[in-house]
């Protein structure tokens, strides 16, 4: 069909594609948790810029490979759970029960996906520099967002791709339940050195 041929030419022509993107970009509204209608294909471009700015000051520290195009969606009340190889089950149990005390927390309510990504990257970077071990992210359940649990799904997706995040689990009810999660960061250099010296004295 001639229509299909014209569409293929449009995709092949970079100039036309840029013009098309520029025409629709002005109509796209920021994605806000619990008020999101759809996930725009332009989010990747916007996130790429945010990621670059977030990691500019220390690219080696922030393992930044997240892509909004392949986020595994979860449900509002799903329990989030993740641990890297070598992390013992008792760590997950303590996270699940809230036995660890968070050194800091961040609340993502009211933020767009782009803003949340930027905030989470800086939050983790700050935790790493201060050698915090346990942190809390309040992402909300996203029961009213479309698709549901949009922010929650993105947070889980991002954390899995950051090497310094060893494990995470949805928080207990008194800390936000399935609308929040605890996660553990790798030990910092100072703490690792202190532990080595401690065991060497034994």
N, C-alpha and C. Protein backbone atom coordinates (compact mmCIF):
# COMPACT_ATOMS: atom_id res chain seq x y z
N UNK A 1 0.84 -1.20 0.00
CA UNK A 1 0.00 0.00 0.00
C UNK A 1 0.88 1.25 0.00
N UNK A 2 0.43 2.29 -0.71
CA UNK A 2 1.23 3.51 -0.79
C UNK A 2 1.39 4.16 0.57
N UNK A 3 0.38 4.01 1.43
CA UNK A 3 0.48 4.60 2.76
C UNK A 3 1.61 3.98 3.56
N UNK A 4 1.77 2.65 3.45
CA UNK A 4 2.85 1.96 4.16
C UNK A 4 4.20 2.42 3.65
N UNK A 5 4.29 2.63 2.33
CA UNK A 5 5.56 3.07 1.76
C UNK A 5 5.95 4.45 2.26
N UNK A 6 4.97 5.33 2.34
CA UNK A 6 5.26 6.69 2.82
C UNK A 6 5.68 6.67 4.28
N UNK A 7 5.05 5.78 5.08
CA UNK A 7 5.40 5.69 6.50
C UNK A 7 6.83 5.20 6.67
N UNK A 8 7.22 4.20 5.84
CA UNK A 8 8.59 3.69 5.91
C UNK A 8 9.60 4.77 5.53
N UNK A 9 9.26 5.57 4.54
CA UNK A 9 10.16 6.67 4.15
C UNK A 9 10.32 7.66 5.30
N UNK A 10 9.22 7.89 6.02
CA UNK A 10 9.28 8.82 7.14
C UNK A 10 10.21 8.32 8.22
N UNK A 11 10.14 7.01 8.51
CA UNK A 11 11.01 6.43 9.53
C UNK A 11 12.46 6.46 9.10
N UNK A 12 12.70 6.27 7.79
CA UNK A 12 14.08 6.24 7.28
C UNK A 12 14.69 7.63 7.19
N UNK A 13 13.88 8.63 7.14
CA UNK A 13 14.37 9.99 6.96
C UNK A 13 14.55 10.65 8.32
N UNK A 14 15.80 10.79 8.75
CA UNK A 14 16.09 11.32 10.08
C UNK A 14 15.57 12.73 10.27
N UNK A 15 15.63 13.50 9.20
CA UNK A 15 15.17 14.88 9.29
C UNK A 15 13.69 14.94 9.60
N UNK A 16 12.92 14.11 8.87
CA UNK A 16 11.48 14.09 9.10
C UNK A 16 11.15 13.59 10.49
N UNK A 17 11.91 12.62 10.96
CA UNK A 17 11.66 12.08 12.30
C UNK A 17 11.87 13.15 13.36
N UNK A 18 12.96 13.93 13.19
CA UNK A 18 13.23 15.00 14.15
C UNK A 18 12.11 16.04 14.12
N UNK A 19 11.63 16.35 12.91
CA UNK A 19 10.55 17.32 12.79
C UNK A 19 9.29 16.81 13.46
N UNK A 20 9.02 15.52 13.28
CA UNK A 20 7.84 14.92 13.89
C UNK A 20 7.93 14.96 15.41
N UNK A 21 9.13 14.63 15.94
CA UNK A 21 9.33 14.66 17.39
C UNK A 21 9.16 16.06 17.95
N UNK A 22 9.67 17.05 17.20
CA UNK A 22 9.58 18.43 17.69
C UNK A 22 8.14 18.91 17.70
N UNK A 23 7.32 18.39 16.80
CA UNK A 23 5.92 18.80 16.73
C UNK A 23 5.13 18.27 17.91
N UNK A 24 5.41 17.02 18.31
CA UNK A 24 4.61 16.42 19.38
C UNK A 24 5.19 16.70 20.76
N UNK A 25 6.47 17.11 20.81
CA UNK A 25 7.09 17.27 22.12
C UNK A 25 6.40 18.32 22.97
N UNK A 26 5.91 19.37 22.36
CA UNK A 26 5.30 20.44 23.12
C UNK A 26 4.00 20.03 23.79
N UNK A 27 3.35 18.98 23.30
CA UNK A 27 2.07 18.56 23.87
C UNK A 27 2.21 17.55 24.98
N UNK A 28 3.42 17.08 25.21
CA UNK A 28 3.61 16.04 26.23
C UNK A 28 3.77 16.68 27.60
N UNK A 29 2.96 16.25 28.55
CA UNK A 29 3.00 16.81 29.90
C UNK A 29 3.90 15.95 30.79
N UNK A 30 4.50 16.54 31.84
CA UNK A 30 5.36 15.77 32.76
C UNK A 30 4.60 14.62 33.37
N UNK A 31 5.29 13.50 33.60
CA UNK A 31 4.67 12.34 34.20
C UNK A 31 4.75 12.46 35.71
N UNK A 32 3.60 12.48 36.36
CA UNK A 32 3.56 12.64 37.80
C UNK A 32 2.94 11.40 38.42
N UNK A 33 3.52 10.88 39.51
CA UNK A 33 3.03 9.68 40.16
C UNK A 33 1.56 9.83 40.52
N UNK A 34 0.76 8.81 40.26
CA UNK A 34 -0.67 8.75 40.53
C UNK A 34 -1.50 9.63 39.59
N UNK A 35 -0.87 10.34 38.63
CA UNK A 35 -1.61 11.17 37.70
C UNK A 35 -1.15 10.93 36.27
N UNK A 36 -0.45 9.82 36.07
CA UNK A 36 0.14 9.57 34.76
C UNK A 36 -0.85 8.87 33.85
N UNK A 37 -0.98 9.36 32.63
CA UNK A 37 -1.90 8.74 31.68
C UNK A 37 -1.17 7.69 30.86
N UNK A 38 -0.03 8.02 30.31
CA UNK A 38 0.71 7.07 29.48
C UNK A 38 2.20 7.30 29.68
N UNK A 39 3.01 6.33 29.25
CA UNK A 39 4.45 6.47 29.25
C UNK A 39 4.88 6.93 27.87
N UNK A 40 5.47 8.10 27.77
CA UNK A 40 5.85 8.65 26.48
C UNK A 40 7.13 8.01 25.98
N UNK A 41 7.23 7.83 24.66
CA UNK A 41 8.45 7.31 24.06
C UNK A 41 9.59 8.30 24.18
N UNK A 42 9.27 9.55 24.51
CA UNK A 42 10.30 10.57 24.64
C UNK A 42 10.94 10.56 26.01
N UNK A 43 10.43 9.74 26.93
CA UNK A 43 11.02 9.68 28.27
C UNK A 43 12.47 9.25 28.19
N UNK A 44 12.78 8.31 27.30
CA UNK A 44 14.15 7.85 27.19
C UNK A 44 15.11 9.00 26.91
N UNK A 45 14.71 9.92 26.02
CA UNK A 45 15.57 11.05 25.68
C UNK A 45 15.75 11.97 26.88
N UNK A 46 14.65 12.20 27.59
CA UNK A 46 14.72 13.09 28.74
C UNK A 46 15.53 12.45 29.87
N UNK A 47 15.31 11.15 30.10
CA UNK A 47 16.05 10.46 31.15
C UNK A 47 17.53 10.41 30.84
N UNK A 48 17.86 10.24 29.57
CA UNK A 48 19.26 10.18 29.17
C UNK A 48 19.98 11.46 29.60
N UNK A 49 19.31 12.59 29.41
CA UNK A 49 19.92 13.87 29.80
C UNK A 49 20.06 13.95 31.30
N UNK A 50 19.03 13.52 32.03
CA UNK A 50 19.07 13.56 33.49
C UNK A 50 20.18 12.65 34.01
N UNK A 51 20.29 11.45 33.42
CA UNK A 51 21.32 10.52 33.85
C UNK A 51 22.70 11.09 33.63
N UNK A 52 22.89 11.72 32.49
CA UNK A 52 24.19 12.28 32.17
C UNK A 52 24.57 13.37 33.17
N UNK A 53 23.62 14.24 33.50
CA UNK A 53 23.88 15.31 34.45
C UNK A 53 24.14 14.74 35.84
N UNK A 54 23.39 13.68 36.22
CA UNK A 54 23.53 13.10 37.54
C UNK A 54 24.88 12.43 37.73
N UNK A 55 25.41 11.84 36.66
CA UNK A 55 26.65 11.07 36.77
C UNK A 55 27.88 11.85 36.36
N UNK A 56 27.73 13.08 35.90
CA UNK A 56 28.86 13.84 35.36
C UNK A 56 29.99 14.00 36.37
N UNK A 57 29.62 14.29 37.64
CA UNK A 57 30.65 14.59 38.62
C UNK A 57 31.43 13.35 39.05
N UNK A 58 30.87 12.15 38.84
CA UNK A 58 31.58 10.93 39.22
C UNK A 58 31.01 9.76 38.44
N UNK A 59 31.40 9.61 37.21
CA UNK A 59 30.83 8.61 36.33
C UNK A 59 31.12 7.20 36.78
N UNK A 60 32.25 6.97 37.44
CA UNK A 60 32.62 5.62 37.84
C UNK A 60 31.77 5.12 39.00
N UNK A 61 31.32 6.05 39.85
CA UNK A 61 30.54 5.64 41.01
C UNK A 61 29.13 5.24 40.63
N UNK A 62 28.51 5.96 39.73
CA UNK A 62 27.12 5.69 39.37
C UNK A 62 27.07 4.73 38.19
N UNK A 63 26.70 3.49 38.45
CA UNK A 63 26.55 2.50 37.39
C UNK A 63 25.20 2.72 36.75
N UNK A 64 25.20 3.43 35.66
CA UNK A 64 23.96 3.96 35.10
C UNK A 64 23.61 3.26 33.79
N UNK A 65 22.79 2.22 33.88
CA UNK A 65 22.40 1.48 32.69
C UNK A 65 20.89 1.33 32.58
N UNK A 66 20.15 2.07 33.40
CA UNK A 66 18.70 1.93 33.40
C UNK A 66 18.09 2.44 32.11
N UNK A 67 17.06 1.76 31.64
CA UNK A 67 16.35 2.17 30.45
C UNK A 67 14.86 2.11 30.73
N UNK A 68 14.16 3.21 30.49
CA UNK A 68 12.73 3.25 30.77
C UNK A 68 11.93 2.43 29.76
N UNK A 69 12.58 2.00 28.67
CA UNK A 69 11.86 1.28 27.64
C UNK A 69 11.60 -0.18 27.96
N UNK A 70 12.30 -0.73 28.95
CA UNK A 70 12.15 -2.15 29.25
C UNK A 70 11.92 -2.38 30.74
N UNK A 71 11.12 -1.55 31.34
CA UNK A 71 10.83 -1.67 32.76
C UNK A 71 9.77 -2.76 32.98
N UNK A 72 10.08 -3.71 33.85
CA UNK A 72 9.12 -4.75 34.19
C UNK A 72 8.10 -4.16 35.16
N UNK A 73 6.86 -4.09 34.74
CA UNK A 73 5.83 -3.48 35.57
C UNK A 73 5.38 -4.41 36.68
N UNK A 74 5.19 -3.85 37.85
CA UNK A 74 4.70 -4.59 39.00
C UNK A 74 3.34 -4.03 39.38
N UNK A 75 2.67 -4.68 40.32
CA UNK A 75 1.35 -4.24 40.76
C UNK A 75 1.49 -3.40 42.03
N UNK A 76 0.51 -2.54 42.32
CA UNK A 76 0.60 -1.65 43.49
C UNK A 76 0.91 -2.37 44.80
N UNK A 77 0.35 -3.55 44.99
CA UNK A 77 0.55 -4.25 46.26
C UNK A 77 1.58 -5.38 46.18
N UNK A 78 2.29 -5.48 45.08
CA UNK A 78 3.35 -6.49 44.97
C UNK A 78 4.47 -6.19 45.96
N UNK A 79 5.02 -7.25 46.54
CA UNK A 79 6.18 -7.12 47.42
C UNK A 79 7.43 -7.16 46.55
N UNK A 80 8.27 -6.14 46.68
CA UNK A 80 9.51 -6.08 45.92
C UNK A 80 10.62 -6.78 46.70
N UNK A 81 11.37 -7.62 46.02
CA UNK A 81 12.44 -8.36 46.69
C UNK A 81 13.56 -8.63 45.70
N UNK A 82 14.78 -8.34 46.11
CA UNK A 82 15.93 -8.55 45.23
C UNK A 82 17.20 -8.68 46.07
N UNK A 83 18.05 -9.61 45.70
CA UNK A 83 19.36 -9.73 46.35
C UNK A 83 20.37 -10.27 45.35
N UNK A 84 21.57 -9.77 45.45
CA UNK A 84 22.63 -10.22 44.57
C UNK A 84 23.22 -11.53 45.08
N UNK A 85 23.86 -12.28 44.18
CA UNK A 85 24.50 -13.54 44.61
C UNK A 85 25.45 -13.30 45.77
N UNK A 86 25.37 -14.16 46.77
CA UNK A 86 26.24 -14.04 47.93
C UNK A 86 25.60 -13.36 49.12
N UNK A 87 24.48 -12.66 48.88
CA UNK A 87 23.78 -12.01 49.99
C UNK A 87 22.94 -13.06 50.71
N UNK A 88 23.16 -13.19 52.01
CA UNK A 88 22.51 -14.23 52.78
C UNK A 88 21.01 -13.97 53.00
N UNK A 89 20.22 -15.04 53.10
CA UNK A 89 18.77 -14.89 53.31
C UNK A 89 18.41 -14.11 54.57
N UNK A 90 19.27 -14.18 55.60
CA UNK A 90 18.94 -13.47 56.84
C UNK A 90 18.91 -11.95 56.62
N UNK A 91 19.69 -11.47 55.63
CA UNK A 91 19.68 -10.05 55.32
C UNK A 91 18.30 -9.65 54.79
N UNK A 92 17.74 -10.48 53.92
CA UNK A 92 16.41 -10.21 53.38
C UNK A 92 15.36 -10.25 54.49
N UNK A 93 15.53 -11.18 55.41
CA UNK A 93 14.58 -11.28 56.52
C UNK A 93 14.60 -10.01 57.37
N UNK A 94 15.80 -9.49 57.62
CA UNK A 94 15.92 -8.28 58.42
C UNK A 94 15.36 -7.06 57.69
N UNK A 95 15.56 -7.02 56.38
CA UNK A 95 14.98 -5.94 55.59
C UNK A 95 13.46 -6.02 55.62
N UNK A 96 12.95 -7.23 55.44
CA UNK A 96 11.50 -7.45 55.42
C UNK A 96 10.85 -7.05 56.74
N UNK A 97 11.54 -7.34 57.85
CA UNK A 97 10.99 -7.07 59.18
C UNK A 97 11.27 -5.66 59.68
N UNK A 98 12.10 -4.92 58.94
CA UNK A 98 12.44 -3.58 59.38
C UNK A 98 13.41 -3.57 60.53
N UNK A 99 14.25 -4.61 60.62
CA UNK A 99 15.21 -4.69 61.72
C UNK A 99 16.38 -3.73 61.54
N UNK A 100 16.66 -3.36 60.31
CA UNK A 100 17.69 -2.37 60.06
C UNK A 100 17.09 -0.97 60.24
N UNK A 101 17.88 -0.07 60.77
CA UNK A 101 17.43 1.32 60.90
C UNK A 101 18.01 2.12 59.74
N UNK A 102 17.14 2.74 58.97
CA UNK A 102 17.62 3.49 57.81
C UNK A 102 18.42 4.71 58.24
N UNK A 103 19.51 4.96 57.55
CA UNK A 103 20.34 6.13 57.83
C UNK A 103 19.75 7.39 57.20
N UNK A 104 18.94 7.20 56.17
CA UNK A 104 18.31 8.34 55.48
C UNK A 104 17.15 7.80 54.64
N UNK A 105 16.28 8.69 54.20
CA UNK A 105 15.16 8.28 53.34
C UNK A 105 14.86 9.36 52.34
N UNK A 106 14.11 8.98 51.31
CA UNK A 106 13.66 9.93 50.29
C UNK A 106 12.22 9.60 49.92
N UNK A 107 11.42 10.63 49.73
CA UNK A 107 10.01 10.47 49.36
C UNK A 107 9.82 10.98 47.93
N UNK A 108 9.35 10.11 47.05
CA UNK A 108 9.22 10.45 45.63
C UNK A 108 7.82 10.91 45.24
N UNK A 109 6.93 11.01 46.19
CA UNK A 109 5.57 11.46 45.87
C UNK A 109 5.61 12.86 45.24
N UNK A 110 4.82 13.03 44.18
CA UNK A 110 4.73 14.32 43.52
C UNK A 110 5.81 14.57 42.49
N UNK A 111 6.73 13.65 42.32
CA UNK A 111 7.81 13.83 41.35
C UNK A 111 7.46 13.14 40.03
N UNK A 112 7.99 13.67 38.94
CA UNK A 112 7.88 12.99 37.66
C UNK A 112 8.90 11.86 37.65
N UNK A 113 8.82 10.98 36.65
CA UNK A 113 9.79 9.90 36.53
C UNK A 113 11.19 10.47 36.36
N UNK A 114 11.32 11.51 35.55
CA UNK A 114 12.63 12.14 35.33
C UNK A 114 13.19 12.71 36.62
N UNK A 115 12.36 13.43 37.36
CA UNK A 115 12.79 14.01 38.62
C UNK A 115 13.15 12.93 39.63
N UNK A 116 12.37 11.86 39.65
CA UNK A 116 12.63 10.77 40.59
C UNK A 116 13.97 10.10 40.30
N UNK A 117 14.26 9.89 39.02
CA UNK A 117 15.53 9.27 38.67
C UNK A 117 16.69 10.12 39.18
N UNK A 118 16.62 11.40 38.89
CA UNK A 118 17.66 12.33 39.31
C UNK A 118 17.81 12.29 40.83
N UNK A 119 16.69 12.33 41.55
CA UNK A 119 16.70 12.34 43.01
C UNK A 119 17.27 11.04 43.58
N UNK A 120 16.88 9.91 43.01
CA UNK A 120 17.36 8.61 43.50
C UNK A 120 18.86 8.46 43.27
N UNK A 121 19.34 8.87 42.10
CA UNK A 121 20.78 8.77 41.83
C UNK A 121 21.60 9.61 42.80
N UNK A 122 21.13 10.81 43.09
CA UNK A 122 21.84 11.67 44.03
C UNK A 122 21.72 11.13 45.46
N UNK A 123 20.57 10.58 45.77
CA UNK A 123 20.34 10.00 47.09
C UNK A 123 21.32 8.84 47.34
N UNK A 124 21.46 7.97 46.37
CA UNK A 124 22.38 6.85 46.49
C UNK A 124 23.82 7.32 46.53
N UNK A 125 24.15 8.30 45.69
CA UNK A 125 25.51 8.83 45.66
C UNK A 125 25.88 9.45 47.00
N UNK A 126 24.94 10.17 47.59
CA UNK A 126 25.17 10.77 48.90
C UNK A 126 25.35 9.69 49.97
N UNK A 127 24.51 8.65 49.89
CA UNK A 127 24.61 7.56 50.86
C UNK A 127 25.94 6.84 50.75
N UNK A 128 26.41 6.68 49.54
CA UNK A 128 27.69 6.03 49.31
C UNK A 128 28.84 6.87 49.88
N UNK A 129 28.80 8.18 49.64
CA UNK A 129 29.86 9.06 50.13
C UNK A 129 29.88 9.11 51.65
N UNK A 130 28.70 9.04 52.27
CA UNK A 130 28.62 9.08 53.73
C UNK A 130 28.75 7.68 54.34
N UNK A 131 28.90 6.69 53.48
CA UNK A 131 29.06 5.29 53.88
C UNK A 131 27.87 4.79 54.69
N UNK A 132 26.65 5.20 54.26
CA UNK A 132 25.43 4.65 54.83
C UNK A 132 25.25 3.23 54.32
N UNK A 133 24.62 2.39 55.11
CA UNK A 133 24.38 1.01 54.68
C UNK A 133 22.92 0.76 54.31
N UNK A 134 22.00 1.21 55.16
CA UNK A 134 20.58 0.96 54.91
C UNK A 134 19.85 2.27 54.63
N UNK A 135 19.11 2.30 53.54
CA UNK A 135 18.36 3.50 53.13
C UNK A 135 16.91 3.11 52.80
N UNK A 136 16.05 4.10 52.82
CA UNK A 136 14.63 3.87 52.56
C UNK A 136 14.15 4.79 51.44
N UNK A 137 13.44 4.21 50.49
CA UNK A 137 12.81 4.99 49.42
C UNK A 137 11.30 4.82 49.53
N UNK A 138 10.60 5.93 49.62
CA UNK A 138 9.13 5.92 49.62
C UNK A 138 8.68 6.26 48.20
N UNK A 139 8.20 5.28 47.48
CA UNK A 139 7.82 5.48 46.08
C UNK A 139 6.31 5.51 45.86
N UNK A 140 5.56 5.09 46.85
CA UNK A 140 4.11 5.02 46.70
C UNK A 140 3.68 3.75 45.98
N UNK A 141 2.42 3.41 46.08
CA UNK A 141 1.90 2.21 45.41
C UNK A 141 1.48 2.49 43.98
N UNK A 142 1.08 3.72 43.72
CA UNK A 142 0.66 4.06 42.36
C UNK A 142 -0.63 3.41 41.94
N UNK A 143 -1.60 3.33 42.85
CA UNK A 143 -2.88 2.69 42.52
C UNK A 143 -3.70 3.51 41.54
N UNK A 144 -3.47 4.81 41.49
CA UNK A 144 -4.25 5.68 40.61
C UNK A 144 -3.52 6.05 39.34
N UNK A 145 -2.26 5.68 39.23
CA UNK A 145 -1.50 6.03 38.02
C UNK A 145 -1.87 5.08 36.88
N UNK A 146 -1.63 5.51 35.68
CA UNK A 146 -1.90 4.70 34.49
C UNK A 146 -0.65 4.67 33.63
N UNK A 147 0.06 3.53 33.53
CA UNK A 147 -0.26 2.27 34.20
C UNK A 147 -0.02 2.35 35.70
N UNK A 148 -0.64 1.44 36.43
CA UNK A 148 -0.49 1.43 37.87
C UNK A 148 0.96 1.13 38.26
N UNK A 149 1.33 1.61 39.45
CA UNK A 149 2.65 1.35 40.04
C UNK A 149 3.79 1.79 39.13
N UNK A 150 3.59 2.88 38.41
CA UNK A 150 4.60 3.35 37.46
C UNK A 150 5.91 3.72 38.18
N UNK A 151 5.82 4.55 39.21
CA UNK A 151 7.01 4.96 39.94
C UNK A 151 7.65 3.78 40.65
N UNK A 152 6.84 2.96 41.27
CA UNK A 152 7.33 1.78 41.98
C UNK A 152 8.10 0.85 41.05
N UNK A 153 7.58 0.63 39.87
CA UNK A 153 8.23 -0.24 38.89
C UNK A 153 9.57 0.32 38.46
N UNK A 154 9.62 1.62 38.22
CA UNK A 154 10.87 2.25 37.80
C UNK A 154 11.94 2.19 38.89
N UNK A 155 11.54 2.43 40.13
CA UNK A 155 12.50 2.39 41.23
C UNK A 155 13.14 1.01 41.35
N UNK A 156 12.32 -0.02 41.31
CA UNK A 156 12.85 -1.39 41.38
C UNK A 156 13.78 -1.67 40.21
N UNK A 157 13.40 -1.21 39.04
CA UNK A 157 14.21 -1.41 37.84
C UNK A 157 15.57 -0.73 37.96
N UNK A 158 15.58 0.51 38.45
CA UNK A 158 16.83 1.25 38.59
C UNK A 158 17.76 0.59 39.60
N UNK A 159 17.22 0.24 40.76
CA UNK A 159 18.07 -0.28 41.83
C UNK A 159 18.75 -1.59 41.44
N UNK A 160 18.06 -2.41 40.67
CA UNK A 160 18.64 -3.68 40.25
C UNK A 160 19.89 -3.48 39.37
N UNK A 161 19.99 -2.33 38.75
CA UNK A 161 21.08 -2.09 37.81
C UNK A 161 22.22 -1.27 38.41
N UNK A 162 22.14 -0.97 39.70
CA UNK A 162 23.20 -0.24 40.38
C UNK A 162 24.00 -1.23 41.21
N UNK A 163 25.24 -1.46 40.85
CA UNK A 163 26.06 -2.49 41.48
C UNK A 163 26.20 -2.31 42.98
N UNK A 164 26.20 -1.07 43.46
CA UNK A 164 26.38 -0.82 44.89
C UNK A 164 25.15 -1.18 45.71
N UNK A 165 24.03 -1.42 45.07
CA UNK A 165 22.82 -1.86 45.77
C UNK A 165 22.87 -3.39 45.87
N UNK A 166 23.07 -3.88 47.08
CA UNK A 166 23.23 -5.32 47.28
C UNK A 166 21.90 -6.05 47.38
N UNK A 167 20.91 -5.40 47.96
CA UNK A 167 19.62 -6.07 48.15
C UNK A 167 18.56 -5.01 48.48
N UNK A 168 17.31 -5.36 48.18
CA UNK A 168 16.20 -4.50 48.63
C UNK A 168 14.97 -5.35 48.88
N UNK A 169 14.08 -4.80 49.70
CA UNK A 169 12.84 -5.49 50.03
C UNK A 169 11.79 -4.45 50.40
N UNK A 170 10.54 -4.71 50.03
CA UNK A 170 9.46 -3.82 50.43
C UNK A 170 9.47 -3.66 51.94
N UNK A 171 9.17 -2.47 52.39
CA UNK A 171 9.23 -2.14 53.81
C UNK A 171 8.07 -2.80 54.58
N UNK A 172 8.23 -2.97 55.89
CA UNK A 172 7.11 -3.46 56.71
C UNK A 172 6.03 -2.38 56.76
N UNK A 173 4.86 -2.76 57.21
CA UNK A 173 3.73 -1.84 57.20
C UNK A 173 3.99 -0.54 57.95
N UNK A 174 4.73 -0.61 59.05
CA UNK A 174 4.95 0.59 59.84
C UNK A 174 5.93 1.56 59.18
N UNK A 175 6.53 1.14 58.05
CA UNK A 175 7.43 2.01 57.30
C UNK A 175 6.92 2.28 55.88
N UNK A 176 5.68 1.94 55.62
CA UNK A 176 5.11 2.24 54.29
C UNK A 176 4.67 1.02 53.51
N UNK A 177 4.98 -0.19 54.01
CA UNK A 177 4.53 -1.40 53.34
C UNK A 177 5.01 -1.48 51.90
N UNK A 178 4.13 -1.89 51.01
CA UNK A 178 4.49 -2.04 49.60
C UNK A 178 4.59 -0.71 48.86
N UNK A 179 4.44 0.38 49.59
CA UNK A 179 4.62 1.70 49.00
C UNK A 179 6.01 2.27 49.28
N UNK A 180 6.88 1.44 49.85
CA UNK A 180 8.25 1.87 50.16
C UNK A 180 9.15 0.65 50.16
N UNK A 181 10.46 0.89 50.12
CA UNK A 181 11.39 -0.24 50.20
C UNK A 181 12.68 0.15 50.90
N UNK A 182 13.24 -0.84 51.60
CA UNK A 182 14.55 -0.71 52.21
C UNK A 182 15.58 -1.27 51.23
N UNK A 183 16.77 -0.69 51.20
CA UNK A 183 17.84 -1.31 50.43
C UNK A 183 19.18 -1.14 51.13
N UNK A 184 20.09 -2.06 50.82
CA UNK A 184 21.41 -2.10 51.44
C UNK A 184 22.48 -1.73 50.42
N UNK A 185 23.39 -0.85 50.81
CA UNK A 185 24.51 -0.48 49.96
C UNK A 185 25.77 -1.24 50.37
N UNK A 186 26.69 -1.37 49.43
CA UNK A 186 27.98 -1.98 49.73
C UNK A 186 28.69 -1.18 50.82
N UNK A 187 29.56 -1.87 51.55
CA UNK A 187 30.37 -1.17 52.55
C UNK A 187 31.33 -0.22 51.85
N UNK A 188 31.51 0.95 52.45
CA UNK A 188 32.45 1.91 51.91
C UNK A 188 33.88 1.49 52.21
N UNK A 189 34.83 2.17 51.62
CA UNK A 189 36.24 1.84 51.80
C UNK A 189 36.67 1.93 53.25
N UNK A 190 36.20 2.97 53.96
CA UNK A 190 36.60 3.15 55.35
C UNK A 190 36.09 2.03 56.23
N UNK A 191 34.83 1.65 56.01
CA UNK A 191 34.24 0.59 56.82
C UNK A 191 34.89 -0.75 56.52
N UNK A 192 35.20 -0.99 55.25
CA UNK A 192 35.85 -2.24 54.87
C UNK A 192 37.23 -2.33 55.51
N UNK A 193 37.97 -1.23 55.52
CA UNK A 193 39.30 -1.20 56.13
C UNK A 193 39.20 -1.43 57.63
N UNK A 194 38.21 -0.82 58.26
CA UNK A 194 38.02 -0.98 59.70
C UNK A 194 37.71 -2.43 60.05
N UNK A 195 36.90 -3.09 59.22
CA UNK A 195 36.57 -4.49 59.47
C UNK A 195 37.79 -5.38 59.30
N UNK A 196 38.62 -5.08 58.28
CA UNK A 196 39.83 -5.88 58.08
C UNK A 196 40.76 -5.76 59.28
N UNK A 197 40.92 -4.53 59.78
CA UNK A 197 41.79 -4.31 60.94
C UNK A 197 41.23 -4.99 62.19
N UNK A 198 39.90 -4.98 62.30
CA UNK A 198 39.25 -5.62 63.44
C UNK A 198 39.52 -7.11 63.48
N UNK A 199 39.38 -7.77 62.31
CA UNK A 199 39.57 -9.21 62.26
C UNK A 199 41.04 -9.60 62.34
N UNK A 200 41.93 -8.70 61.91
CA UNK A 200 43.36 -8.99 61.98
C UNK A 200 43.85 -9.01 63.43
N UNK A 201 43.17 -8.25 64.30
CA UNK A 201 43.57 -8.19 65.71
C UNK A 201 43.11 -9.40 66.49
N UNK A 202 42.16 -10.15 65.91
CA UNK A 202 41.63 -11.32 66.62
C UNK A 202 42.60 -12.49 66.61
